[in-house]
Amino acid sequence: MNAKEITIKNIEANGFRIGKAVKGKGYELYEAPYHFVYGWGILKDDKKKAFILDKISKSNINNLFVKDIWIAADSKKHFQYESKEQAQSQIKLQELIDKKFEGVSEITIYYAPDKLLGYFPITKYKSDINSQAEMIKNLLKFDKKELYKDELFDYEDEWEYDDDIISFNSNGYIGDYSLVHGSGYMEDRYNCKHIDGRLDNYNEMIVDDFWRMDIEECMKTHFEELDPNDKLCVYHRKGKDWHVGHQYESEQIILTYRDDEGEIYEDEFYALYCKKDKELQEKFVKIIASWRDDIDMKSYIYNELEIGGYDNNYYNDSVVNQTLVELIYEDKNDLAIEIVESLQSWELKTIKEEFAKTYYAIIGKAIKVKDDLTIQITTVPCQFSSKPNAPQIKTYNHLKLIKRLEKRYDYELVKTSISGSLDTVQWAIKQGNEEYHFDICDVIARDIDGTQTLREFIVEVLEALEKRRLEKISQAELFEKASRVFIGIADSIQAGNCEYGTNQFIAKHHIDTSKIGGIRGDVLLEMENSSFTKRAVNHAIIAHGGLAS
């Protein structure tokens, strides 16, 4: 055998069929023929013949050829064919079909795929073992198989203890890591795509429910549907670090070569490779990230509503009035579910703003201001009770009393809207040109839980309005001095702005108060030059010594 013949033999022995030579490109390469159908004892078995004929009728006969055939005549004749070309030149399959395999006792038919995989150079390789091994490596690359360490191994499992490869035990564990998808050998975590599973918002009940509901089994099923051939592997460390990598496959390589003395030898080698699918890998990454974000967002919602294991110290700036929520909802879980189902956008980056809008809209439906200024609040009974209570309507006179005290305290109760705020009508106490906006439901809730009586609220508002009048300075001076100070939530509230309006402003401008403590005064005024922002800036200038010059 010469070098070309050895090369062809090695190519055909390792899964390919060679076509004709094309000048300047190399030889055509096709997938190797594979078994299509086998018929044994069909000489007098019409059912078996019918089965074979039916299967052939559903395929392209031009791709089929007889690999092996026994003809029963006076004596049995046995014919074998090595290739499609040889078989089709010596025996006509169509004639056998037309005669319904008359006189045939046994037949094996192969299918030769005709999709051109590409062109491969054959004549460039020599017959020695090193050149033929290099040819096999290039053949694997041609087949989009990424060879581990770009080498062939002498022994099977020679790579087993390599640090760049991991394999899990039969229970799907290795150390702190749990396997979700894949089997056998796979990429080490340092070569995988990493997803940080740590949450910005952690709620013990939500996280526990996520893992308690056999979520890993659901993950396995979903990933198997997307990747039935196990191209990828997915594993994690305690849900905190997720890794998506590629699965390795091993393959026995039969290599024929000529030694230095001209003798022909045939040896076995082993290849470890993976077929990289970056698109599918990225899809897996997005799926895992979306699961993490779902837990994160649900945790945020349940933390805001103080359901489950939440951090009391972290959520001091929440827009949720717990007393009011408990006044309306018999079970706060019903509100949480309603918010999740009503959010217009389900994205982690906007969850704070979307939650605020949705919360106010849902709470607003339960509250009605009558023409006589009495407030009616409709309760929501527990939705999961076997015998739920009927909704109740409770009436409160707080707004009516504020109206009644107008003359005594020299103010006016007006119905107005905060400019650029969420779509919620607010009430305000007005003195001169100054207005103090408030949420009447907050007033009711504070009165009910004993944190602030109605009289104390009115006094606080009037003091705030008076403070505003005393702190006014000229526009030019304001911007110049504003550039020296930073304004936070506390400055706004201490300046006389209501807490509700401050939270509305934060939501409107997508300000993440967990990441920044304040905004420079002149920047704040450029964002919105209104009485609300000026008031907060004036206070900060006075409180932090900005007026001194």
Protein backbone atom coordinates (compact mmCIF):
# COMPACT_ATOMS: atom_id res chain seq x y z
CA MET A 1 0.00 0.00 0.00
CA ASN A 2 1.28 3.43 -0.86
CA ALA A 3 0.71 6.63 1.18
CA LYS A 4 -2.46 7.60 -0.70
CA GLU A 5 -4.01 4.17 -0.24
CA ILE A 6 -3.16 4.17 3.47
CA THR A 7 -4.68 7.63 3.88
CA ILE A 8 -7.89 6.58 2.10
CA LYS A 9 -8.14 3.45 4.22
CA ASN A 10 -7.76 5.46 7.45
CA ILE A 11 -10.37 7.99 6.35
CA GLU A 12 -12.90 5.28 5.47
CA ALA A 13 -12.14 3.31 8.66
CA ASN A 14 -13.00 6.35 10.75
CA GLY A 15 -16.46 7.33 9.56
CA PHE A 16 -16.20 8.91 6.10
CA ARG A 17 -16.76 8.08 2.45
CA ILE A 18 -14.47 9.55 -0.20
CA GLY A 19 -15.84 10.93 -3.46
CA LYS A 20 -14.10 12.21 -6.55
CA ALA A 21 -11.10 14.55 -6.63
CA VAL A 22 -11.71 18.23 -7.42
CA LYS A 23 -8.77 20.23 -8.68
CA GLY A 24 -7.57 22.86 -6.25
CA LYS A 25 -9.85 21.63 -3.46
CA GLY A 26 -9.07 18.01 -2.65
CA TYR A 27 -11.31 14.98 -2.45
CA GLU A 28 -15.03 15.10 -1.75
CA LEU A 29 -15.88 13.85 1.69
CA TYR A 30 -19.21 12.35 2.74
CA GLU A 31 -20.53 10.68 5.85
CA ALA A 32 -19.79 6.95 5.85
CA PRO A 33 -22.60 4.61 4.70
CA TYR A 34 -24.66 3.10 7.50
CA HIS A 35 -26.97 0.15 7.95
CA PHE A 36 -30.45 0.77 6.51
CA VAL A 37 -32.35 -2.52 6.58
CA TYR A 38 -31.68 -6.24 6.95
CA GLY A 39 -33.85 -9.07 5.68
CA TRP A 40 -33.25 -12.66 6.76
CA GLY A 41 -35.27 -15.67 5.66
CA ILE A 42 -37.28 -13.63 3.17
CA LEU A 43 -37.37 -16.26 0.43
CA LYS A 44 -40.82 -17.46 1.48
CA ASP A 45 -41.80 -14.69 3.92
CA ASP A 46 -44.00 -12.14 2.14
CA LYS A 47 -44.47 -10.05 5.32
CA LYS A 48 -40.75 -9.44 5.67
CA LYS A 49 -40.49 -8.61 1.97
CA ALA A 50 -43.38 -6.15 2.29
CA PHE A 51 -41.69 -4.48 5.27
CA ILE A 52 -38.41 -4.02 3.35
CA LEU A 53 -40.18 -2.73 0.25
CA ASP A 54 -42.19 -0.25 2.31
CA LYS A 55 -39.10 1.11 4.04
CA ILE A 56 -37.25 1.46 0.74
CA SER A 57 -40.24 3.31 -0.77
CA LYS A 58 -39.88 6.01 1.89
CA SER A 59 -36.24 6.68 1.09
CA ASN A 60 -34.20 7.82 -1.92
CA ILE A 61 -33.19 4.67 -3.80
CA ASN A 62 -30.19 6.47 -5.31
CA ASN A 63 -28.63 6.55 -1.83
CA LEU A 64 -29.19 2.84 -1.19
CA PHE A 65 -26.95 -0.04 -2.16
CA VAL A 66 -26.68 -3.75 -1.48
CA LYS A 67 -23.97 -4.49 1.06
CA ASP A 68 -24.54 -8.22 1.36
CA ILE A 69 -26.87 -10.65 -0.48
CA TRP A 70 -27.62 -14.39 -0.54
CA ILE A 71 -29.33 -15.74 -3.62
CA ALA A 72 -30.98 -19.15 -3.34
CA ALA A 73 -31.06 -20.95 -6.67
CA ASP A 74 -29.80 -24.43 -7.35
CA SER A 75 -27.04 -23.55 -4.90
CA LYS A 76 -26.66 -20.53 -2.64
CA LYS A 77 -24.67 -17.64 -4.02
CA HIS A 78 -23.24 -15.01 -1.65
CA PHE A 79 -22.07 -11.55 -2.78
CA GLN A 80 -20.50 -8.73 -0.70
CA TYR A 81 -19.71 -5.18 -1.82
CA GLU A 82 -17.32 -2.75 -0.18
CA SER A 83 -18.74 0.52 -1.54
CA LYS A 84 -21.81 2.11 -3.03
CA GLU A 85 -20.08 2.51 -6.39
CA GLN A 86 -19.02 -1.14 -6.53
CA ALA A 87 -22.46 -2.44 -5.52
CA GLN A 88 -24.44 -0.21 -7.89
CA SER A 89 -22.22 -1.19 -10.82
CA GLN A 90 -22.70 -4.92 -10.25
CA ILE A 91 -26.21 -5.36 -8.89
CA LYS A 92 -29.29 -3.28 -9.62
CA LEU A 93 -31.38 -2.70 -6.50
CA GLN A 94 -34.31 -1.43 -8.57
CA GLU A 95 -34.48 -4.74 -10.44
CA LEU A 96 -34.58 -6.62 -7.14
CA ILE A 97 -37.40 -4.34 -5.96
CA ASP A 98 -39.37 -4.79 -9.19
CA LYS A 99 -39.11 -8.58 -8.80
CA LYS A 100 -39.97 -8.25 -5.08
CA PHE A 101 -36.68 -9.93 -4.12
CA GLU A 102 -37.53 -13.10 -5.98
CA GLY A 103 -34.93 -15.81 -5.28
CA VAL A 104 -33.29 -13.76 -2.46
CA SER A 105 -33.00 -15.46 0.92
CA GLU A 106 -31.02 -12.80 2.82
CA ILE A 107 -30.06 -9.19 2.10
CA THR A 108 -28.39 -6.25 3.86
CA ILE A 109 -28.95 -2.77 2.44
CA TYR A 110 -26.90 0.30 3.37
CA TYR A 111 -27.64 4.01 3.05
CA ALA A 112 -24.93 6.32 1.66
CA PRO A 113 -25.58 9.99 2.55
CA ASP A 114 -25.02 12.25 -0.43
CA LYS A 115 -24.64 15.54 1.41
CA LEU A 116 -21.19 16.90 0.66
CA LEU A 117 -19.38 17.66 3.90
CA GLY A 118 -16.50 19.43 2.19
CA TYR A 119 -13.14 18.75 0.60
CA PHE A 120 -10.16 17.10 2.22
CA PRO A 121 -6.56 16.83 0.97
CA ILE A 122 -5.32 13.24 0.70
CA THR A 123 -2.06 13.31 -1.24
CA LYS A 124 -0.29 15.64 1.22
CA TYR A 125 0.09 12.92 3.87
CA LYS A 126 2.87 10.36 4.07
CA SER A 127 2.49 6.75 5.15
CA ASP A 128 4.37 6.97 8.48
CA ILE A 129 2.56 6.97 11.82
CA ASN A 130 3.21 10.65 12.63
CA SER A 131 1.85 11.88 9.31
CA GLN A 132 -1.20 9.62 9.49
CA ALA A 133 -1.87 10.69 13.12
CA GLU A 134 -1.74 14.32 11.97
CA MET A 135 -4.18 13.43 9.18
CA ILE A 136 -6.62 11.93 11.73
CA LYS A 137 -6.41 15.08 13.88
CA ASN A 138 -7.22 17.23 10.86
CA LEU A 139 -10.03 14.85 9.93
CA LEU A 140 -11.57 15.29 13.40
CA LYS A 141 -11.28 19.07 13.08
CA PHE A 142 -12.90 18.82 9.65
CA ASP A 143 -15.82 17.09 11.43
CA LYS A 144 -15.96 20.02 13.91
CA LYS A 145 -14.64 17.84 16.72
CA GLU A 146 -12.38 19.83 19.03
CA LEU A 147 -9.68 17.39 20.11
CA TYR A 148 -8.69 17.52 23.76
CA LYS A 149 -5.11 18.77 24.04
CA ASP A 150 -4.85 18.21 20.27
CA GLU A 151 -3.51 14.71 20.76
CA LEU A 152 -4.40 11.05 20.36
CA PHE A 153 -4.06 8.81 23.41
CA ASP A 154 -2.52 5.36 23.53
CA TYR A 155 -4.94 4.04 26.13
CA GLU A 156 -8.66 4.49 26.82
CA ASP A 157 -9.39 6.71 29.86
CA GLU A 158 -5.77 7.91 29.87
CA TRP A 159 -7.20 11.39 30.53
CA GLU A 160 -9.25 10.30 33.56
CA TYR A 161 -7.13 12.10 36.17
CA ASP A 162 -6.43 15.21 34.15
CA ASP A 163 -7.18 18.43 36.05
CA ASP A 164 -8.89 20.05 33.05
CA ILE A 165 -11.57 17.34 32.93
CA ILE A 166 -14.15 16.42 35.54
CA SER A 167 -16.58 13.56 35.92
CA PHE A 168 -19.28 13.13 38.56
CA ASN A 169 -20.00 10.03 40.59
CA SER A 170 -23.03 7.82 39.93
CA ASN A 171 -25.17 10.02 42.20
CA GLY A 172 -24.27 13.17 40.27
CA TYR A 173 -21.93 14.77 42.82
CA ILE A 174 -18.30 15.74 43.10
CA GLY A 175 -17.34 17.66 46.24
CA ASP A 176 -19.74 20.62 46.63
CA TYR A 177 -20.87 20.41 43.01
CA SER A 178 -24.13 18.90 41.75
CA LEU A 179 -24.67 17.71 38.18
CA VAL A 180 -27.87 18.84 36.45
CA HIS A 181 -27.22 17.84 32.84
CA GLY A 182 -24.65 15.64 31.13
CA SER A 183 -22.67 12.49 31.88
CA GLY A 184 -19.18 11.09 31.58
CA TYR A 185 -16.32 13.52 31.01
CA MET A 186 -16.90 17.26 30.76
CA GLU A 187 -15.12 20.59 30.78
CA ASP A 188 -13.67 21.84 34.03
CA ARG A 189 -15.46 24.87 35.50
CA TYR A 190 -12.63 27.21 34.50
CA ASN A 191 -13.37 26.47 30.83
CA CYS A 192 -17.15 26.76 31.22
CA LYS A 193 -19.51 29.70 31.00
CA HIS A 194 -20.15 30.94 34.54
CA ILE A 195 -23.45 32.26 35.90
CA ASP A 196 -23.42 33.95 39.29
CA GLY A 197 -26.40 32.55 41.16
CA ARG A 198 -26.11 34.97 44.08
CA LEU A 199 -29.15 37.15 44.60
CA ASP A 200 -29.48 40.91 45.07
CA ASN A 201 -32.69 40.21 46.98
CA TYR A 202 -32.87 37.15 49.18
CA ASN A 203 -36.07 35.81 50.70
CA GLU A 204 -35.67 32.57 52.58
CA MET A 205 -39.19 31.34 51.83
CA ILE A 206 -38.90 31.94 48.05
CA VAL A 207 -35.46 30.35 47.83
CA ASP A 208 -36.49 27.34 49.93
CA ASP A 209 -39.64 26.83 47.82
CA PHE A 210 -37.56 26.97 44.64
CA TRP A 211 -35.28 24.13 45.72
CA ARG A 212 -37.95 22.17 47.58
CA MET A 213 -40.16 21.66 44.51
CA ASP A 214 -37.78 19.17 42.79
CA ILE A 215 -36.54 22.04 40.64
CA GLU A 216 -33.39 20.12 39.64
CA GLU A 217 -35.52 17.34 38.16
CA CYS A 218 -37.46 19.94 36.16
CA MET A 219 -34.17 21.44 34.99
CA LYS A 220 -32.89 18.04 33.91
CA THR A 221 -36.03 17.37 31.87
CA HIS A 222 -35.89 20.80 30.21
CA PHE A 223 -32.20 20.54 29.33
CA GLU A 224 -32.64 16.99 27.99
CA GLU A 225 -35.36 18.26 25.65
CA LEU A 226 -33.08 21.03 24.37
CA ASP A 227 -29.94 18.87 24.22
CA PRO A 228 -30.93 15.21 23.69
CA ASN A 229 -27.44 14.32 22.44
CA ASP A 230 -25.71 15.66 25.57
CA LYS A 231 -23.47 18.17 23.83
CA LEU A 232 -23.44 20.30 26.99
CA CYS A 233 -23.02 19.82 30.71
CA VAL A 234 -24.55 21.89 33.53
CA TYR A 235 -23.50 21.77 37.16
CA HIS A 236 -23.54 24.11 40.17
CA ARG A 237 -22.10 24.69 43.61
CA LYS A 238 -24.89 25.10 46.18
CA GLY A 239 -26.91 27.16 43.69
CA LYS A 240 -24.37 30.00 43.92
CA ASP A 241 -22.02 29.24 41.03
CA TRP A 242 -23.44 27.70 37.86
CA HIS A 243 -21.31 26.34 35.04
CA VAL A 244 -22.33 25.49 31.47
CA GLY A 245 -19.68 23.67 29.47
CA HIS A 246 -19.26 21.08 26.75
CA GLN A 247 -19.42 17.33 27.06
CA TYR A 248 -16.49 15.21 25.94
CA GLU A 249 -16.90 12.06 23.86
CA SER A 250 -14.30 9.36 23.32
CA GLU A 251 -13.73 7.51 20.07
CA GLN A 252 -11.57 4.60 19.09
CA ILE A 253 -9.29 5.39 16.16
CA ILE A 254 -8.02 2.61 13.87
CA LEU A 255 -4.78 3.76 12.30
CA THR A 256 -2.92 1.99 9.51
CA TYR A 257 0.66 3.09 8.81
CA ARG A 258 4.02 1.97 7.42
CA ASP A 259 7.02 1.72 9.74
CA ASP A 260 10.62 2.65 8.92
CA GLU A 261 11.29 -0.80 7.54
CA GLY A 262 8.30 -0.65 5.20
CA GLU A 263 6.05 -3.01 7.17
CA ILE A 264 2.30 -2.22 7.36
CA TYR A 265 0.80 -2.07 10.86
CA GLU A 266 -2.63 -1.31 12.27
CA ASP A 267 -2.89 0.15 15.79
CA GLU A 268 -5.65 1.47 18.06
CA PHE A 269 -5.64 4.98 19.49
CA TYR A 270 -8.22 6.98 21.40
CA ALA A 271 -9.51 10.50 20.82
CA LEU A 272 -11.30 12.66 23.36
CA TYR A 273 -13.22 15.52 21.79
CA CYS A 274 -16.23 17.79 22.08
CA LYS A 275 -18.43 19.35 19.44
CA LYS A 276 -18.75 22.98 20.50
CA ASP A 277 -22.21 24.51 20.21
CA LYS A 278 -21.80 28.11 21.32
CA GLU A 279 -25.38 29.03 20.41
CA LEU A 280 -26.89 26.27 22.55
CA GLN A 281 -24.45 27.04 25.35
CA GLU A 282 -25.54 30.69 25.34
CA LYS A 283 -29.19 29.57 25.39
CA PHE A 284 -28.53 27.47 28.50
CA VAL A 285 -26.79 30.42 30.15
CA LYS A 286 -29.81 32.66 29.50
CA ILE A 287 -32.21 30.02 30.87
CA ILE A 288 -30.26 29.68 34.12
CA ALA A 289 -29.92 33.46 34.44
CA SER A 290 -33.68 33.83 33.94
CA TRP A 291 -34.36 31.30 36.72
CA ARG A 292 -32.03 33.24 39.01
CA ASP A 293 -33.74 36.53 38.11
CA ASP A 294 -37.16 35.00 38.77
CA ILE A 295 -36.09 34.06 42.29
CA ASP A 296 -34.47 37.48 42.75
CA MET A 297 -37.58 39.40 41.65
CA LYS A 298 -40.00 37.25 43.64
CA SER A 299 -37.72 37.68 46.66
CA TYR A 300 -37.84 41.46 46.19
CA ILE A 301 -41.65 41.43 46.03
CA TYR A 302 -42.03 39.23 49.10
CA ASN A 303 -39.42 41.23 51.01
CA GLU A 304 -41.27 44.46 50.21
CA LEU A 305 -44.46 42.92 51.55
CA GLU A 306 -42.59 41.46 54.56
CA ILE A 307 -43.55 37.88 53.77
CA GLY A 308 -41.19 35.01 54.56
CA GLY A 309 -37.59 35.40 55.71
CA TYR A 310 -36.76 39.03 54.97
CA ASP A 311 -34.27 41.58 56.30
CA ASN A 312 -36.12 44.17 58.39
CA ASN A 313 -33.18 46.59 58.31
CA TYR A 314 -32.71 46.65 54.53
CA TYR A 315 -36.17 47.70 53.38
CA ASN A 316 -36.64 50.93 55.32
CA ASP A 317 -37.37 52.93 52.13
CA SER A 318 -40.15 50.61 50.95
CA VAL A 319 -43.21 52.17 49.29
CA VAL A 320 -45.38 49.57 51.01
CA ASN A 321 -47.51 50.64 53.95
CA GLN A 322 -47.74 47.40 55.90
CA THR A 323 -50.59 48.57 58.12
CA LEU A 324 -52.66 49.56 55.10
CA VAL A 325 -51.90 46.25 53.33
CA GLU A 326 -52.93 44.28 56.40
CA LEU A 327 -56.05 46.43 56.62
CA ILE A 328 -57.05 45.39 53.08
CA TYR A 329 -55.67 41.87 52.71
CA GLU A 330 -56.47 39.01 55.05
CA ASP A 331 -53.45 37.17 53.58
CA LYS A 332 -50.60 39.21 52.10
CA ASN A 333 -49.64 36.28 49.89
CA ASP A 334 -52.72 37.08 47.79
CA LEU A 335 -51.34 40.57 47.16
CA ALA A 336 -47.93 39.16 46.25
CA ILE A 337 -49.48 36.79 43.70
CA GLU A 338 -51.63 39.58 42.25
CA ILE A 339 -48.58 41.84 41.87
CA VAL A 340 -46.55 39.10 40.13
CA GLU A 341 -49.41 38.46 37.69
CA SER A 342 -50.02 42.17 37.04
CA LEU A 343 -46.48 43.45 36.43
CA GLN A 344 -46.15 44.89 32.92
CA SER A 345 -42.42 44.14 32.79
CA TRP A 346 -40.70 41.14 34.34
CA GLU A 347 -37.08 42.35 34.39
CA LEU A 348 -34.74 42.58 37.35
CA LYS A 349 -33.41 46.01 36.33
CA THR A 350 -36.90 47.57 36.50
CA ILE A 351 -38.50 45.51 39.26
CA LYS A 352 -38.38 48.33 41.81
CA GLU A 353 -40.21 50.83 39.60
CA GLU A 354 -42.64 48.23 38.22
CA PHE A 355 -43.41 46.98 41.71
CA ALA A 356 -44.21 50.50 42.93
CA LYS A 357 -46.56 51.23 40.01
CA THR A 358 -48.32 47.90 40.31
CA TYR A 359 -48.60 48.10 44.09
CA TYR A 360 -50.21 51.54 43.98
CA ALA A 361 -52.59 50.47 41.19
CA ILE A 362 -53.77 47.37 43.08
CA ILE A 363 -54.09 49.13 46.43
CA GLY A 364 -55.89 52.01 44.68
CA LYS A 365 -58.62 49.65 43.46
CA ALA A 366 -59.50 48.77 47.05
CA ILE A 367 -59.85 52.42 48.10
CA LYS A 368 -62.64 54.84 47.15
CA VAL A 369 -63.05 58.49 48.09
CA LYS A 370 -66.76 59.39 48.38
CA ASP A 371 -68.18 62.79 47.50
CA ASP A 372 -68.50 63.61 51.22
CA LEU A 373 -64.72 62.83 51.56
CA THR A 374 -65.23 59.66 53.54
CA ILE A 375 -62.79 56.89 52.60
CA GLN A 376 -64.09 53.41 51.83
CA ILE A 377 -61.63 50.50 51.94
CA THR A 378 -62.76 47.13 50.59
CA THR A 379 -61.07 44.16 52.23
CA VAL A 380 -59.78 41.13 50.30
CA PRO A 381 -60.41 37.81 52.07
CA CYS A 382 -57.94 34.93 51.87
CA GLN A 383 -58.21 33.40 48.40
CA PHE A 384 -56.93 29.97 49.40
CA SER A 385 -59.34 29.36 52.26
CA SER A 386 -61.80 26.50 51.89
CA LYS A 387 -64.50 28.85 53.18
CA PRO A 388 -63.38 32.39 52.29
CA ASN A 389 -64.98 35.32 54.05
CA ALA A 390 -67.00 37.86 52.11
CA PRO A 391 -65.28 41.20 51.32
CA GLN A 392 -66.04 43.96 53.80
CA ILE A 393 -66.25 47.73 53.25
CA LYS A 394 -64.75 49.86 56.05
CA THR A 395 -65.31 53.61 56.24
CA TYR A 396 -62.83 56.24 57.55
CA ASN A 397 -63.38 59.98 58.12
CA HIS A 398 -59.79 61.24 58.18
CA LEU A 399 -59.97 63.22 54.92
CA LYS A 400 -63.31 64.65 55.97
CA LEU A 401 -61.80 65.84 59.29
CA ILE A 402 -58.82 67.47 57.49
CA LYS A 403 -61.32 69.40 55.37
CA ARG A 404 -63.28 70.44 58.46
CA LEU A 405 -60.15 71.92 60.10
CA GLU A 406 -59.26 74.21 57.13
CA LYS A 407 -60.32 77.50 58.73
CA ARG A 408 -58.90 76.74 62.16
CA TYR A 409 -55.40 76.14 60.78
CA ASP A 410 -55.57 78.50 57.79
CA TYR A 411 -54.97 76.01 55.00
CA GLU A 412 -56.89 74.58 52.06
CA LEU A 413 -57.41 70.89 51.25
CA VAL A 414 -57.00 70.47 47.50
CA LYS A 415 -57.15 67.58 45.08
CA THR A 416 -54.16 67.68 42.75
CA SER A 417 -51.56 65.58 40.92
CA ILE A 418 -47.81 65.46 41.47
CA SER A 419 -46.18 66.60 38.22
CA GLY A 420 -44.61 63.67 36.36
CA SER A 421 -45.53 61.22 39.09
CA LEU A 422 -47.10 57.81 38.74
CA ASP A 423 -50.71 57.86 37.56
CA THR A 424 -52.14 58.35 41.03
CA VAL A 425 -54.27 61.29 42.14
CA GLN A 426 -53.02 62.75 45.41
CA TRP A 427 -54.36 65.11 48.05
CA ALA A 428 -52.50 68.18 49.27
CA ILE A 429 -52.68 70.73 52.06
CA LYS A 430 -52.09 74.16 50.54
CA GLN A 431 -50.93 77.44 52.12
CA GLY A 432 -50.24 80.32 49.76
CA ASN A 433 -48.35 78.91 46.78
CA GLU A 434 -47.00 75.94 48.65
CA GLU A 435 -48.56 72.46 48.63
CA TYR A 436 -47.80 69.43 50.78
CA HIS A 437 -48.89 66.24 49.00
CA PHE A 438 -49.84 63.20 51.00
CA ASP A 439 -51.38 59.78 50.65
CA ILE A 440 -54.53 59.74 52.74
CA CYS A 441 -54.18 55.97 53.13
CA ASP A 442 -50.79 56.51 54.80
CA VAL A 443 -52.44 58.95 57.18
CA ILE A 444 -55.16 56.43 58.02
CA ALA A 445 -52.68 53.59 58.49
CA ARG A 446 -50.42 55.61 60.82
CA ASP A 447 -53.40 56.67 62.87
CA ILE A 448 -54.57 53.06 63.16
CA ASP A 449 -51.17 51.63 64.18
CA GLY A 450 -50.59 54.53 66.63
CA THR A 451 -47.43 55.95 65.02
CA GLN A 452 -49.03 59.34 64.26
CA THR A 453 -52.43 60.78 65.10
CA LEU A 454 -54.38 62.90 62.63
CA ARG A 455 -53.68 66.04 64.67
CA GLU A 456 -49.94 65.28 64.75
CA PHE A 457 -49.97 64.83 60.97
CA ILE A 458 -51.60 68.25 60.40
CA VAL A 459 -49.10 69.95 62.72
CA GLU A 460 -46.21 68.29 60.91
CA VAL A 461 -47.52 69.45 57.52
CA LEU A 462 -47.96 73.06 58.64
CA GLU A 463 -44.46 73.13 60.12
CA ALA A 464 -43.07 71.78 56.86
CA LEU A 465 -44.86 74.44 54.80
CA GLU A 466 -43.54 77.17 57.07
CA LYS A 467 -40.03 75.81 56.75
CA ARG A 468 -40.26 75.98 52.96
CA ARG A 469 -41.11 79.66 52.99
CA LEU A 470 -38.16 80.47 55.23
CA GLU A 471 -35.64 78.61 53.08
CA LYS A 472 -36.19 80.21 49.67
CA ILE A 473 -33.18 81.77 47.94
CA SER A 474 -32.57 83.11 44.39
CA GLN A 475 -32.27 80.74 41.40
CA ALA A 476 -28.69 81.65 40.42
CA GLU A 477 -27.46 81.41 43.96
CA LEU A 478 -29.31 78.16 44.43
CA PHE A 479 -27.55 76.40 41.48
CA GLU A 480 -24.14 77.68 42.53
CA LYS A 481 -24.50 76.49 46.11
CA ALA A 482 -26.30 73.31 45.06
CA SER A 483 -23.16 72.09 43.28
CA ARG A 484 -21.45 71.83 46.70
CA VAL A 485 -23.87 69.44 48.37
CA PHE A 486 -25.35 65.98 47.88
CA ILE A 487 -29.01 65.25 48.58
CA GLY A 488 -30.32 61.98 49.95
CA ILE A 489 -33.73 60.63 50.99
CA ALA A 490 -33.36 62.02 54.51
CA ASP A 491 -32.65 65.54 53.16
CA SER A 492 -35.83 65.46 51.09
CA ILE A 493 -38.03 64.37 53.98
CA GLN A 494 -36.37 66.71 56.48
CA ALA A 495 -36.92 69.54 54.01
CA GLY A 496 -40.66 69.03 54.27
CA ASN A 497 -41.26 66.83 51.25
CA CYS A 498 -43.58 63.94 51.99
CA GLU A 499 -42.15 60.43 52.07
CA TYR A 500 -44.66 59.27 49.46
CA GLY A 501 -43.68 61.97 46.96
CA THR A 502 -39.98 61.28 47.57
CA ASN A 503 -40.45 57.58 46.76
CA GLN A 504 -42.48 58.51 43.67
CA PHE A 505 -39.59 60.69 42.45
CA ILE A 506 -37.07 57.87 43.04
CA ALA A 507 -39.23 55.42 41.08
CA LYS A 508 -39.81 57.87 38.22
CA HIS A 509 -36.09 58.56 37.67
CA HIS A 510 -34.97 54.93 38.24
CA ILE A 511 -32.66 55.87 41.11
CA ASP A 512 -31.15 52.83 42.83
CA THR A 513 -30.85 53.92 46.46
CA SER A 514 -29.04 50.71 47.34
CA LYS A 515 -26.08 51.80 45.18
CA ILE A 516 -25.93 55.58 45.62
CA GLY A 517 -26.51 57.54 48.80
CA GLY A 518 -27.26 60.88 47.21
CA ILE A 519 -27.27 63.08 44.11
CA ARG A 520 -25.33 66.36 43.69
CA GLY A 521 -27.66 69.30 44.12
CA ASP A 522 -27.20 70.96 40.72
CA VAL A 523 -27.61 67.57 38.97
CA LEU A 524 -30.83 66.99 40.90
CA LEU A 525 -32.18 70.39 39.79
CA GLU A 526 -31.30 69.62 36.18
CA MET A 527 -33.23 66.36 36.46
CA GLU A 528 -36.32 68.22 37.65
CA ASN A 529 -36.41 71.89 38.57
CA SER A 530 -39.52 71.93 40.73
CA SER A 531 -40.59 73.07 44.16
CA PHE A 532 -39.94 69.54 45.43
CA THR A 533 -36.31 69.37 44.30
CA LYS A 534 -35.58 73.00 45.26
CA ARG A 535 -36.94 72.34 48.72
CA ALA A 536 -34.61 69.38 49.23
CA VAL A 537 -31.59 71.28 47.86
CA ASN A 538 -32.31 74.32 50.08
CA HIS A 539 -32.41 72.11 53.14
CA ALA A 540 -29.13 70.38 52.25
CA ILE A 541 -27.40 73.72 51.66
CA ILE A 542 -28.48 75.00 55.09
CA ALA A 543 -27.88 71.69 56.89
CA HIS A 544 -24.40 71.16 55.40
CA GLY A 545 -23.18 74.75 55.63
CA GLY A 546 -23.58 75.57 51.96
CA LEU A 547 -24.80 79.13 52.63
CA ALA A 548 -21.65 80.16 54.42
CA SER A 549 -19.31 82.14 52.19
